[in-house]
Amino acid sequence: MKLLTNYYGGASAFIITGLTLNMIMLSAILLIAFNQQILLKICKALFNLLYKIHLIKDVKKMMCKTEKFITEYRDSISKLKENHRFTIKMFALTFIQLTVFFSTTFFIYKSFNLDKSNILDIICLQSFLYMAVSFIPTPGTAGASEIGFILLLGHLFPSSILSAAMLLWRGISYYFSLLFSGIFSFAVTTLKKKKVFNS
């Protein structure tokens, strides 16, 4: 928490918004897992409020969609609860994956011969950035990630190289994986078509 006490203005608003929205979503997931009726009552009250201020037109339709989503989500959670070994493996692999992903910024930081911050601090800040931008409804959180990087991690880099560091981080963490996935998908699809044609 000491890392976050020096933030103010836009950065603090960014962090607080991300924390609040993620806590709401976590609470919703816990209610789906343990008490769906409370969540349905909360959703109905929210939809009624939105209906009164003319933001939605059909409360019943929204409730039907919500009930369907909650049922599907609850079934998925039930399957995870049944297979403890698989669930533990999944969480462990996700932890490793995110740790490696968040470490990208540290290696970019070191590539500029900087040494005032350690890997744990940078991973912590990067995780807050990930959490803060996860609610942004743009492809790959475009725009928000770049702004968030400058707000949360900008102080780690001298102003003369901040833009370069941000572009390098974004290029590796998003655009490279996007390009690689596109090439890989194209290659697999092409090979499958050739196999079907040859057979």
N, C-alpha and C. Protein backbone atom coordinates (compact mmCIF):
# COMPACT_ATOMS: atom_id res chain seq x y z
N MET A 1 0.82 -1.21 0.00
CA MET A 1 0.00 0.00 0.00
C MET A 1 0.86 1.26 0.00
N LYS A 2 2.11 1.17 0.48
CA LYS A 2 2.99 2.33 0.50
C LYS A 2 3.22 2.88 -0.90
N LEU A 3 3.21 1.98 -1.90
CA LEU A 3 3.42 2.39 -3.27
C LEU A 3 2.31 3.31 -3.77
N LEU A 4 1.11 3.15 -3.19
CA LEU A 4 -0.05 3.87 -3.68
C LEU A 4 -0.31 5.17 -2.94
N THR A 5 0.38 5.40 -1.84
CA THR A 5 0.10 6.59 -1.03
C THR A 5 0.60 7.87 -1.68
N ASN A 6 1.52 7.76 -2.63
CA ASN A 6 2.06 8.95 -3.28
C ASN A 6 1.25 9.40 -4.49
N TYR A 7 0.21 8.65 -4.82
CA TYR A 7 -0.59 9.00 -5.98
C TYR A 7 -1.70 9.98 -5.61
N TYR A 8 -2.05 10.82 -6.54
CA TYR A 8 -3.11 11.79 -6.32
C TYR A 8 -3.75 12.15 -7.66
N GLY A 9 -4.86 12.89 -7.61
CA GLY A 9 -5.51 13.36 -8.83
C GLY A 9 -5.97 12.23 -9.72
N GLY A 10 -5.57 12.30 -11.00
CA GLY A 10 -6.01 11.32 -11.99
C GLY A 10 -5.61 9.90 -11.66
N ALA A 11 -4.40 9.74 -11.14
CA ALA A 11 -3.91 8.39 -10.82
C ALA A 11 -4.74 7.75 -9.72
N SER A 12 -5.02 8.50 -8.65
CA SER A 12 -5.81 7.94 -7.55
C SER A 12 -7.23 7.63 -7.99
N ALA A 13 -7.81 8.49 -8.82
CA ALA A 13 -9.17 8.24 -9.34
C ALA A 13 -9.17 6.98 -10.19
N PHE A 14 -8.11 6.79 -10.97
CA PHE A 14 -7.95 5.61 -11.81
C PHE A 14 -7.93 4.35 -10.96
N ILE A 15 -7.13 4.37 -9.90
CA ILE A 15 -6.99 3.22 -9.02
C ILE A 15 -8.29 2.93 -8.27
N ILE A 16 -8.91 3.97 -7.72
CA ILE A 16 -10.14 3.81 -6.93
C ILE A 16 -11.26 3.26 -7.80
N THR A 17 -11.39 3.79 -9.02
CA THR A 17 -12.44 3.30 -9.94
C THR A 17 -12.23 1.83 -10.26
N GLY A 18 -11.00 1.46 -10.57
CA GLY A 18 -10.70 0.07 -10.87
C GLY A 18 -10.97 -0.85 -9.69
N LEU A 19 -10.52 -0.43 -8.49
CA LEU A 19 -10.75 -1.22 -7.28
C LEU A 19 -12.24 -1.40 -7.01
N THR A 20 -13.00 -0.31 -7.13
CA THR A 20 -14.43 -0.35 -6.84
C THR A 20 -15.16 -1.30 -7.79
N LEU A 21 -14.90 -1.17 -9.08
CA LEU A 21 -15.59 -2.01 -10.06
C LEU A 21 -15.21 -3.48 -9.91
N ASN A 22 -13.93 -3.73 -9.63
CA ASN A 22 -13.50 -5.12 -9.45
C ASN A 22 -14.06 -5.72 -8.17
N MET A 23 -14.20 -4.93 -7.12
CA MET A 23 -14.80 -5.41 -5.88
C MET A 23 -16.28 -5.73 -6.08
N ILE A 24 -16.95 -4.89 -6.88
CA ILE A 24 -18.37 -5.16 -7.20
C ILE A 24 -18.50 -6.48 -7.95
N MET A 25 -17.63 -6.69 -8.95
CA MET A 25 -17.68 -7.92 -9.74
C MET A 25 -17.33 -9.13 -8.88
N LEU A 26 -16.35 -8.99 -7.99
CA LEU A 26 -15.98 -10.10 -7.10
C LEU A 26 -17.14 -10.44 -6.17
N SER A 27 -17.81 -9.41 -5.65
CA SER A 27 -18.97 -9.63 -4.78
C SER A 27 -20.08 -10.35 -5.53
N ALA A 28 -20.28 -9.97 -6.80
CA ALA A 28 -21.30 -10.62 -7.62
C ALA A 28 -20.97 -12.09 -7.84
N ILE A 29 -19.69 -12.39 -8.09
CA ILE A 29 -19.27 -13.79 -8.29
C ILE A 29 -19.49 -14.61 -7.03
N LEU A 30 -19.17 -14.03 -5.86
CA LEU A 30 -19.38 -14.73 -4.59
C LEU A 30 -20.87 -14.99 -4.35
N LEU A 31 -21.70 -14.02 -4.70
CA LEU A 31 -23.15 -14.20 -4.54
C LEU A 31 -23.68 -15.27 -5.49
N ILE A 32 -23.13 -15.31 -6.71
CA ILE A 32 -23.53 -16.37 -7.66
C ILE A 32 -23.17 -17.74 -7.09
N ALA A 33 -22.00 -17.81 -6.45
CA ALA A 33 -21.54 -19.10 -5.92
C ALA A 33 -22.31 -19.54 -4.69
N PHE A 34 -22.75 -18.57 -3.86
CA PHE A 34 -23.32 -18.96 -2.57
C PHE A 34 -24.76 -18.49 -2.32
N ASN A 35 -25.20 -17.45 -3.00
CA ASN A 35 -26.57 -16.99 -2.76
C ASN A 35 -27.08 -16.18 -3.96
N GLN A 36 -27.62 -16.90 -4.95
CA GLN A 36 -28.07 -16.25 -6.17
C GLN A 36 -29.30 -15.36 -5.95
N GLN A 37 -30.13 -15.71 -4.97
CA GLN A 37 -31.37 -14.96 -4.76
C GLN A 37 -31.11 -13.51 -4.35
N ILE A 38 -30.11 -13.30 -3.51
CA ILE A 38 -29.76 -11.93 -3.10
C ILE A 38 -29.30 -11.13 -4.33
N LEU A 39 -28.49 -11.76 -5.17
CA LEU A 39 -28.00 -11.08 -6.36
C LEU A 39 -29.14 -10.74 -7.31
N LEU A 40 -30.09 -11.65 -7.46
CA LEU A 40 -31.24 -11.39 -8.33
C LEU A 40 -32.09 -10.23 -7.81
N LYS A 41 -32.24 -10.15 -6.49
CA LYS A 41 -33.00 -9.04 -5.89
C LYS A 41 -32.30 -7.71 -6.14
N ILE A 42 -30.96 -7.73 -6.00
CA ILE A 42 -30.18 -6.51 -6.24
C ILE A 42 -30.30 -6.08 -7.71
N CYS A 43 -30.20 -7.06 -8.61
CA CYS A 43 -30.32 -6.77 -10.04
C CYS A 43 -31.70 -6.22 -10.39
N LYS A 44 -32.74 -6.81 -9.79
CA LYS A 44 -34.11 -6.35 -10.07
C LYS A 44 -34.30 -4.92 -9.60
N ALA A 45 -33.78 -4.59 -8.41
CA ALA A 45 -33.89 -3.23 -7.89
C ALA A 45 -33.13 -2.25 -8.79
N LEU A 46 -31.96 -2.68 -9.27
CA LEU A 46 -31.16 -1.83 -10.15
C LEU A 46 -31.87 -1.60 -11.49
N PHE A 47 -32.44 -2.68 -12.04
CA PHE A 47 -33.15 -2.56 -13.32
C PHE A 47 -34.39 -1.68 -13.20
N ASN A 48 -35.08 -1.79 -12.06
CA ASN A 48 -36.26 -0.94 -11.84
C ASN A 48 -35.86 0.54 -11.77
N LEU A 49 -34.71 0.80 -11.14
CA LEU A 49 -34.21 2.17 -11.08
C LEU A 49 -33.85 2.69 -12.47
N LEU A 50 -33.17 1.85 -13.25
CA LEU A 50 -32.79 2.23 -14.60
C LEU A 50 -34.02 2.43 -15.49
N TYR A 51 -35.06 1.64 -15.23
CA TYR A 51 -36.31 1.79 -15.99
C TYR A 51 -36.98 3.13 -15.68
N LYS A 52 -36.96 3.51 -14.41
CA LYS A 52 -37.59 4.77 -14.00
C LYS A 52 -36.91 5.99 -14.61
N ILE A 53 -35.59 5.88 -14.81
CA ILE A 53 -34.87 7.02 -15.40
C ILE A 53 -34.67 6.83 -16.91
N HIS A 54 -35.42 5.85 -17.47
CA HIS A 54 -35.51 5.64 -18.92
C HIS A 54 -34.19 5.21 -19.58
N LEU A 55 -33.40 4.44 -18.85
CA LEU A 55 -32.17 3.91 -19.42
C LEU A 55 -32.36 2.50 -19.98
N ILE A 56 -33.39 1.79 -19.51
CA ILE A 56 -33.77 0.51 -20.10
C ILE A 56 -35.28 0.51 -20.34
N LYS A 57 -35.72 -0.33 -21.28
CA LYS A 57 -37.13 -0.32 -21.66
C LYS A 57 -37.93 -1.50 -21.10
N ASP A 58 -37.26 -2.62 -20.88
CA ASP A 58 -37.98 -3.84 -20.47
C ASP A 58 -37.25 -4.52 -19.31
N VAL A 59 -37.78 -4.35 -18.10
CA VAL A 59 -37.17 -4.94 -16.91
C VAL A 59 -37.23 -6.46 -16.95
N LYS A 60 -38.37 -6.99 -17.40
CA LYS A 60 -38.57 -8.44 -17.45
C LYS A 60 -37.56 -9.11 -18.38
N LYS A 61 -37.33 -8.50 -19.53
CA LYS A 61 -36.37 -9.04 -20.49
C LYS A 61 -34.96 -9.04 -19.91
N MET A 62 -34.60 -7.95 -19.23
CA MET A 62 -33.29 -7.86 -18.61
C MET A 62 -33.11 -8.89 -17.51
N MET A 63 -34.17 -9.13 -16.74
CA MET A 63 -34.12 -10.13 -15.68
C MET A 63 -33.96 -11.53 -16.24
N CYS A 64 -34.62 -11.81 -17.35
CA CYS A 64 -34.51 -13.13 -17.99
C CYS A 64 -33.06 -13.37 -18.44
N LYS A 65 -32.46 -12.36 -19.05
CA LYS A 65 -31.06 -12.48 -19.49
C LYS A 65 -30.12 -12.66 -18.30
N THR A 66 -30.40 -11.91 -17.23
CA THR A 66 -29.57 -11.98 -16.04
C THR A 66 -29.67 -13.36 -15.38
N GLU A 67 -30.89 -13.88 -15.27
CA GLU A 67 -31.10 -15.21 -14.68
C GLU A 67 -30.38 -16.29 -15.49
N LYS A 68 -30.44 -16.17 -16.82
CA LYS A 68 -29.77 -17.14 -17.68
C LYS A 68 -28.26 -17.09 -17.48
N PHE A 69 -27.73 -15.87 -17.42
CA PHE A 69 -26.29 -15.69 -17.23
C PHE A 69 -25.85 -16.25 -15.87
N ILE A 70 -26.62 -15.94 -14.82
CA ILE A 70 -26.29 -16.41 -13.47
C ILE A 70 -26.33 -17.93 -13.40
N THR A 71 -27.31 -18.53 -14.06
CA THR A 71 -27.43 -20.00 -14.07
C THR A 71 -26.22 -20.63 -14.73
N GLU A 72 -25.81 -20.09 -15.88
CA GLU A 72 -24.65 -20.63 -16.60
C GLU A 72 -23.37 -20.45 -15.79
N TYR A 73 -23.24 -19.29 -15.17
CA TYR A 73 -22.05 -19.00 -14.36
C TYR A 73 -22.00 -19.91 -13.13
N ARG A 74 -23.18 -20.12 -12.51
CA ARG A 74 -23.26 -20.98 -11.33
C ARG A 74 -22.88 -22.42 -11.68
N ASP A 75 -23.32 -22.90 -12.85
CA ASP A 75 -22.99 -24.25 -13.30
C ASP A 75 -21.47 -24.39 -13.50
N SER A 76 -20.85 -23.34 -14.05
CA SER A 76 -19.40 -23.37 -14.27
C SER A 76 -18.65 -23.40 -12.93
N ILE A 77 -19.13 -22.61 -11.98
CA ILE A 77 -18.50 -22.59 -10.64
C ILE A 77 -18.67 -23.94 -9.95
N SER A 78 -19.83 -24.56 -10.13
CA SER A 78 -20.09 -25.87 -9.53
C SER A 78 -19.12 -26.92 -10.05
N LYS A 79 -18.82 -26.86 -11.36
CA LYS A 79 -17.87 -27.80 -11.95
C LYS A 79 -16.47 -27.59 -11.39
N LEU A 80 -16.11 -26.32 -11.16
CA LEU A 80 -14.79 -26.03 -10.57
C LEU A 80 -14.72 -26.54 -9.14
N LYS A 81 -15.81 -26.40 -8.41
CA LYS A 81 -15.85 -26.86 -7.02
C LYS A 81 -15.78 -28.38 -6.92
N GLU A 82 -16.27 -29.05 -7.94
CA GLU A 82 -16.26 -30.51 -7.94
C GLU A 82 -14.86 -31.08 -8.19
N ASN A 83 -14.10 -30.38 -9.06
CA ASN A 83 -12.77 -30.87 -9.44
C ASN A 83 -11.70 -29.98 -8.80
N HIS A 84 -11.37 -30.27 -7.54
CA HIS A 84 -10.44 -29.42 -6.79
C HIS A 84 -9.04 -29.41 -7.39
N ARG A 85 -8.58 -30.55 -7.86
CA ARG A 85 -7.23 -30.63 -8.41
C ARG A 85 -7.09 -29.76 -9.66
N PHE A 86 -8.07 -29.84 -10.53
CA PHE A 86 -8.06 -29.02 -11.75
C PHE A 86 -8.12 -27.54 -11.40
N THR A 87 -8.96 -27.19 -10.43
CA THR A 87 -9.11 -25.78 -10.03
C THR A 87 -7.81 -25.22 -9.48
N ILE A 88 -7.11 -26.01 -8.64
CA ILE A 88 -5.84 -25.57 -8.07
C ILE A 88 -4.80 -25.38 -9.18
N LYS A 89 -4.76 -26.33 -10.12
CA LYS A 89 -3.82 -26.22 -11.23
C LYS A 89 -4.11 -24.98 -12.07
N MET A 90 -5.39 -24.72 -12.31
CA MET A 90 -5.79 -23.57 -13.11
C MET A 90 -5.37 -22.26 -12.45
N PHE A 91 -5.59 -22.16 -11.13
CA PHE A 91 -5.21 -20.96 -10.40
C PHE A 91 -3.69 -20.79 -10.38
N ALA A 92 -2.97 -21.90 -10.22
CA ALA A 92 -1.50 -21.85 -10.19
C ALA A 92 -0.94 -21.39 -11.54
N LEU A 93 -1.48 -21.95 -12.62
CA LEU A 93 -1.03 -21.57 -13.96
C LEU A 93 -1.38 -20.11 -14.28
N THR A 94 -2.55 -19.69 -13.84
CA THR A 94 -2.96 -18.29 -14.05
C THR A 94 -2.04 -17.35 -13.28
N PHE A 95 -1.69 -17.74 -12.06
CA PHE A 95 -0.78 -16.93 -11.24
C PHE A 95 0.58 -16.78 -11.92
N ILE A 96 1.10 -17.89 -12.45
CA ILE A 96 2.38 -17.85 -13.15
C ILE A 96 2.28 -17.00 -14.42
N GLN A 97 1.20 -17.20 -15.15
CA GLN A 97 1.01 -16.45 -16.40
C GLN A 97 0.96 -14.94 -16.15
N LEU A 98 0.18 -14.53 -15.15
CA LEU A 98 0.06 -13.10 -14.86
C LEU A 98 1.35 -12.52 -14.31
N THR A 99 2.07 -13.31 -13.50
CA THR A 99 3.35 -12.84 -12.96
C THR A 99 4.35 -12.57 -14.08
N VAL A 100 4.41 -13.50 -15.03
CA VAL A 100 5.30 -13.32 -16.18
C VAL A 100 4.86 -12.12 -17.01
N PHE A 101 3.55 -12.00 -17.21
CA PHE A 101 2.99 -10.89 -17.99
C PHE A 101 3.31 -9.54 -17.34
N PHE A 102 3.13 -9.47 -16.03
CA PHE A 102 3.39 -8.22 -15.31
C PHE A 102 4.89 -7.91 -15.21
N SER A 103 5.72 -8.94 -15.36
CA SER A 103 7.17 -8.74 -15.27
C SER A 103 7.74 -8.04 -16.50
N THR A 104 6.97 -7.99 -17.58
CA THR A 104 7.44 -7.36 -18.82
C THR A 104 7.95 -5.95 -18.56
N THR A 105 7.19 -5.19 -17.77
CA THR A 105 7.57 -3.81 -17.48
C THR A 105 8.91 -3.73 -16.76
N PHE A 106 9.17 -4.69 -15.87
CA PHE A 106 10.44 -4.69 -15.14
C PHE A 106 11.62 -4.86 -16.08
N PHE A 107 11.50 -5.78 -17.04
CA PHE A 107 12.61 -6.02 -17.96
C PHE A 107 12.80 -4.84 -18.92
N ILE A 108 11.71 -4.17 -19.26
CA ILE A 108 11.83 -2.93 -20.04
C ILE A 108 12.54 -1.88 -19.21
N TYR A 109 12.17 -1.81 -17.94
CA TYR A 109 12.78 -0.87 -17.00
C TYR A 109 14.30 -1.11 -16.91
N LYS A 110 14.69 -2.37 -16.78
CA LYS A 110 16.11 -2.71 -16.68
C LYS A 110 16.84 -2.47 -18.01
N SER A 111 16.14 -2.61 -19.13
CA SER A 111 16.78 -2.41 -20.43
C SER A 111 17.24 -0.97 -20.62
N PHE A 112 16.65 -0.04 -19.86
CA PHE A 112 17.07 1.35 -19.91
C PHE A 112 18.13 1.67 -18.82
N ASN A 113 18.68 0.61 -18.23
CA ASN A 113 19.72 0.74 -17.19
C ASN A 113 19.22 1.51 -15.96
N LEU A 114 17.98 1.27 -15.59
CA LEU A 114 17.40 1.89 -14.40
C LEU A 114 17.40 0.86 -13.27
N ASP A 115 17.60 1.32 -12.04
CA ASP A 115 17.70 0.35 -10.94
C ASP A 115 17.13 0.84 -9.61
N LYS A 116 16.34 1.89 -9.62
CA LYS A 116 15.81 2.42 -8.37
C LYS A 116 14.61 1.62 -7.85
N SER A 117 13.94 0.88 -8.71
CA SER A 117 12.77 0.07 -8.31
C SER A 117 13.07 -1.40 -8.50
N ASN A 118 12.44 -2.23 -7.67
CA ASN A 118 12.66 -3.68 -7.79
C ASN A 118 11.48 -4.34 -8.48
N ILE A 119 11.65 -5.61 -8.79
CA ILE A 119 10.66 -6.33 -9.58
C ILE A 119 9.31 -6.46 -8.87
N LEU A 120 9.34 -6.62 -7.54
CA LEU A 120 8.09 -6.77 -6.80
C LEU A 120 7.25 -5.49 -6.84
N ASP A 121 7.90 -4.34 -6.71
CA ASP A 121 7.19 -3.07 -6.78
C ASP A 121 6.55 -2.87 -8.16
N ILE A 122 7.30 -3.20 -9.19
CA ILE A 122 6.80 -3.00 -10.56
C ILE A 122 5.68 -3.97 -10.87
N ILE A 123 5.80 -5.22 -10.42
CA ILE A 123 4.72 -6.19 -10.63
C ILE A 123 3.46 -5.73 -9.90
N CYS A 124 3.63 -5.20 -8.70
CA CYS A 124 2.49 -4.70 -7.93
C CYS A 124 1.79 -3.56 -8.67
N LEU A 125 2.57 -2.59 -9.14
CA LEU A 125 2.00 -1.46 -9.88
C LEU A 125 1.35 -1.91 -11.18
N GLN A 126 1.99 -2.86 -11.85
CA GLN A 126 1.45 -3.37 -13.10
C GLN A 126 0.13 -4.10 -12.88
N SER A 127 0.02 -4.81 -11.75
CA SER A 127 -1.22 -5.51 -11.44
C SER A 127 -2.36 -4.52 -11.17
N PHE A 128 -2.03 -3.40 -10.52
CA PHE A 128 -3.03 -2.36 -10.30
C PHE A 128 -3.46 -1.73 -11.62
N LEU A 129 -2.51 -1.55 -12.54
CA LEU A 129 -2.84 -1.03 -13.85
C LEU A 129 -3.79 -1.98 -14.58
N TYR A 130 -3.47 -3.26 -14.54
CA TYR A 130 -4.30 -4.29 -15.19
C TYR A 130 -5.71 -4.27 -14.62
N MET A 131 -5.79 -4.17 -13.31
CA MET A 131 -7.09 -4.15 -12.65
C MET A 131 -7.87 -2.88 -13.00
N ALA A 132 -7.18 -1.75 -13.05
CA ALA A 132 -7.85 -0.47 -13.29
C ALA A 132 -8.41 -0.35 -14.69
N VAL A 133 -7.72 -0.93 -15.69
CA VAL A 133 -8.17 -0.78 -17.08
C VAL A 133 -9.06 -1.92 -17.55
N SER A 134 -9.20 -2.95 -16.73
CA SER A 134 -9.95 -4.13 -17.18
C SER A 134 -11.42 -3.84 -17.48
N PHE A 135 -11.97 -2.76 -16.88
CA PHE A 135 -13.37 -2.44 -17.11
C PHE A 135 -13.58 -1.55 -18.33
N ILE A 136 -12.52 -1.09 -18.98
CA ILE A 136 -12.65 -0.19 -20.14
C ILE A 136 -13.15 -0.98 -21.35
N PRO A 137 -14.30 -0.61 -21.92
CA PRO A 137 -14.90 -1.39 -23.02
C PRO A 137 -14.35 -1.04 -24.40
N THR A 138 -13.02 -1.10 -24.54
CA THR A 138 -12.40 -0.88 -25.84
C THR A 138 -11.55 -2.10 -26.18
N PRO A 139 -11.35 -2.39 -27.47
CA PRO A 139 -10.52 -3.54 -27.85
C PRO A 139 -9.12 -3.45 -27.26
N GLY A 140 -8.76 -4.44 -26.44
CA GLY A 140 -7.45 -4.43 -25.83
C GLY A 140 -7.23 -3.28 -24.88
N THR A 141 -8.33 -2.71 -24.37
CA THR A 141 -8.30 -1.52 -23.48
C THR A 141 -7.42 -0.43 -24.10
N ALA A 142 -7.53 -0.28 -25.43
CA ALA A 142 -6.73 0.72 -26.15
C ALA A 142 -6.99 2.11 -25.60
N GLY A 143 -5.95 2.87 -25.44
CA GLY A 143 -6.05 4.22 -24.92
C GLY A 143 -5.93 4.25 -23.41
N ALA A 144 -6.78 3.47 -22.74
CA ALA A 144 -6.78 3.44 -21.27
C ALA A 144 -5.47 2.85 -20.74
N SER A 145 -4.98 1.80 -21.40
CA SER A 145 -3.73 1.18 -20.93
C SER A 145 -2.56 2.14 -21.03
N GLU A 146 -2.49 2.87 -22.13
CA GLU A 146 -1.40 3.81 -22.32
C GLU A 146 -1.46 4.94 -21.29
N ILE A 147 -2.66 5.48 -21.09
CA ILE A 147 -2.83 6.55 -20.10
C ILE A 147 -2.53 6.03 -18.70
N GLY A 148 -3.03 4.82 -18.40
CA GLY A 148 -2.79 4.21 -17.10
C GLY A 148 -1.32 3.96 -16.83
N PHE A 149 -0.60 3.55 -17.86
CA PHE A 149 0.84 3.31 -17.72
C PHE A 149 1.55 4.60 -17.31
N ILE A 150 1.20 5.69 -17.96
CA ILE A 150 1.83 6.98 -17.65
C ILE A 150 1.46 7.44 -16.24
N LEU A 151 0.18 7.23 -15.85
CA LEU A 151 -0.27 7.66 -14.53
C LEU A 151 0.34 6.85 -13.40
N LEU A 152 0.39 5.52 -13.58
CA LEU A 152 0.82 4.64 -12.49
C LEU A 152 2.31 4.30 -12.51
N LEU A 153 2.88 4.20 -13.71
CA LEU A 153 4.27 3.78 -13.81
C LEU A 153 5.20 4.85 -14.38
N GLY A 154 4.62 5.98 -14.75
CA GLY A 154 5.40 7.03 -15.38
C GLY A 154 6.52 7.56 -14.51
N HIS A 155 6.31 7.56 -13.17
CA HIS A 155 7.33 8.10 -12.28
C HIS A 155 8.58 7.23 -12.20
N LEU A 156 8.49 6.00 -12.70
CA LEU A 156 9.65 5.11 -12.66
C LEU A 156 10.67 5.45 -13.74
N PHE A 157 10.20 6.12 -14.80
CA PHE A 157 11.06 6.40 -15.94
C PHE A 157 11.33 7.90 -16.06
N PRO A 158 12.54 8.29 -16.46
CA PRO A 158 12.80 9.70 -16.75
C PRO A 158 11.87 10.17 -17.87
N SER A 159 11.47 11.41 -17.82
CA SER A 159 10.51 11.94 -18.80
C SER A 159 11.01 11.81 -20.24
N SER A 160 12.34 11.82 -20.41
CA SER A 160 12.91 11.75 -21.75
C SER A 160 12.70 10.39 -22.42
N ILE A 161 12.50 9.35 -21.63
CA ILE A 161 12.32 8.01 -22.21
C ILE A 161 10.96 7.40 -21.87
N LEU A 162 10.10 8.16 -21.21
CA LEU A 162 8.80 7.63 -20.79
C LEU A 162 7.97 7.16 -21.97
N SER A 163 7.88 7.97 -23.01
CA SER A 163 7.08 7.61 -24.19
C SER A 163 7.62 6.34 -24.85
N ALA A 164 8.95 6.26 -24.95
CA ALA A 164 9.57 5.07 -25.55
C ALA A 164 9.30 3.83 -24.71
N ALA A 165 9.38 3.97 -23.38
CA ALA A 165 9.12 2.84 -22.49
C ALA A 165 7.66 2.38 -22.61
N MET A 166 6.75 3.34 -22.67
CA MET A 166 5.32 3.00 -22.78
C MET A 166 5.02 2.30 -24.09
N LEU A 167 5.58 2.80 -25.20
CA LEU A 167 5.36 2.18 -26.50
C LEU A 167 5.98 0.79 -26.57
N LEU A 168 7.15 0.64 -25.97
CA LEU A 168 7.81 -0.66 -25.94
C LEU A 168 7.00 -1.66 -25.13
N TRP A 169 6.52 -1.22 -23.96
CA TRP A 169 5.69 -2.09 -23.12
C TRP A 169 4.41 -2.50 -23.84
N ARG A 170 3.74 -1.54 -24.45
CA ARG A 170 2.48 -1.82 -25.15
C ARG A 170 2.70 -2.71 -26.35
N GLY A 171 3.81 -2.47 -27.05
CA GLY A 171 4.13 -3.28 -28.22
C GLY A 171 4.36 -4.74 -27.86
N ILE A 172 5.08 -4.97 -26.76
CA ILE A 172 5.37 -6.35 -26.34
C ILE A 172 4.14 -7.01 -25.72
N SER A 173 3.47 -6.30 -24.81
CA SER A 173 2.38 -6.91 -24.04
C SER A 173 1.09 -7.10 -24.82
N TYR A 174 0.88 -6.29 -25.86
CA TYR A 174 -0.39 -6.40 -26.59
C TYR A 174 -0.21 -6.63 -28.09
N TYR A 175 0.46 -5.71 -28.76
CA TYR A 175 0.51 -5.78 -30.23
C TYR A 175 1.33 -6.95 -30.73
N PHE A 176 2.40 -7.30 -30.03
CA PHE A 176 3.19 -8.47 -30.44
C PHE A 176 2.37 -9.75 -30.32
N SER A 177 1.68 -9.90 -29.16
CA SER A 177 0.86 -11.11 -28.96
C SER A 177 -0.29 -11.15 -29.96
N LEU A 178 -0.84 -9.96 -30.29
CA LEU A 178 -1.92 -9.90 -31.28
C LEU A 178 -1.42 -10.33 -32.65
N LEU A 179 -0.25 -9.83 -33.03
CA LEU A 179 0.34 -10.18 -34.32
C LEU A 179 0.71 -11.66 -34.38
N PHE A 180 1.34 -12.15 -33.29
CA PHE A 180 1.74 -13.56 -33.24
C PHE A 180 0.52 -14.48 -33.31
N SER A 181 -0.55 -14.13 -32.58
CA SER A 181 -1.77 -14.94 -32.59
C SER A 181 -2.39 -14.96 -33.98
N GLY A 182 -2.37 -13.80 -34.65
CA GLY A 182 -2.93 -13.72 -36.00
C GLY A 182 -2.16 -14.60 -36.97
N ILE A 183 -0.82 -14.54 -36.91
CA ILE A 183 0.01 -15.36 -37.80
C ILE A 183 -0.17 -16.85 -37.51
N PHE A 184 -0.20 -17.19 -36.21
CA PHE A 184 -0.38 -18.59 -35.81
C PHE A 184 -1.73 -19.12 -36.28
N SER A 185 -2.79 -18.34 -36.07
CA SER A 185 -4.13 -18.76 -36.48
C SER A 185 -4.21 -18.95 -37.99
N PHE A 186 -3.58 -18.02 -38.72
CA PHE A 186 -3.56 -18.11 -40.19
C PHE A 186 -2.83 -19.37 -40.64
N ALA A 187 -1.69 -19.67 -39.99
CA ALA A 187 -0.89 -20.83 -40.35
C ALA A 187 -1.66 -22.13 -40.08
N VAL A 188 -2.31 -22.21 -38.92
CA VAL A 188 -3.08 -23.41 -38.57
C VAL A 188 -4.25 -23.60 -39.52
N THR A 189 -4.96 -22.52 -39.83
CA THR A 189 -6.10 -22.60 -40.76
C THR A 189 -5.66 -23.03 -42.15
N THR A 190 -4.52 -22.50 -42.60
CA THR A 190 -3.99 -22.85 -43.91
C THR A 190 -3.60 -24.32 -43.97
N LEU A 191 -2.96 -24.82 -42.91
CA LEU A 191 -2.56 -26.24 -42.86
C LEU A 191 -3.78 -27.16 -42.87
N LYS A 192 -4.82 -26.77 -42.14
CA LYS A 192 -6.04 -27.58 -42.10
C LYS A 192 -6.69 -27.64 -43.47
N LYS A 193 -6.71 -26.49 -44.17
CA LYS A 193 -7.30 -26.46 -45.50
C LYS A 193 -6.53 -27.33 -46.48
N LYS A 194 -5.17 -27.32 -46.35
CA LYS A 194 -4.34 -28.15 -47.22
C LYS A 194 -4.58 -29.63 -46.97
N LYS A 195 -4.74 -30.00 -45.68
CA LYS A 195 -4.99 -31.40 -45.33
C LYS A 195 -6.33 -31.87 -45.89
N VAL A 196 -7.35 -31.01 -45.79
CA VAL A 196 -8.68 -31.36 -46.29
C VAL A 196 -8.63 -31.49 -47.81
N PHE A 197 -7.90 -30.58 -48.46
CA PHE A 197 -7.79 -30.59 -49.91
C PHE A 197 -7.05 -31.84 -50.41
N ASN A 198 -5.95 -32.20 -49.71
CA ASN A 198 -5.15 -33.35 -50.10
C ASN A 198 -5.87 -34.67 -49.86
N SER A 199 -6.72 -34.69 -48.81
CA SER A 199 -7.44 -35.93 -48.53
C SER A 199 -8.60 -36.13 -49.49
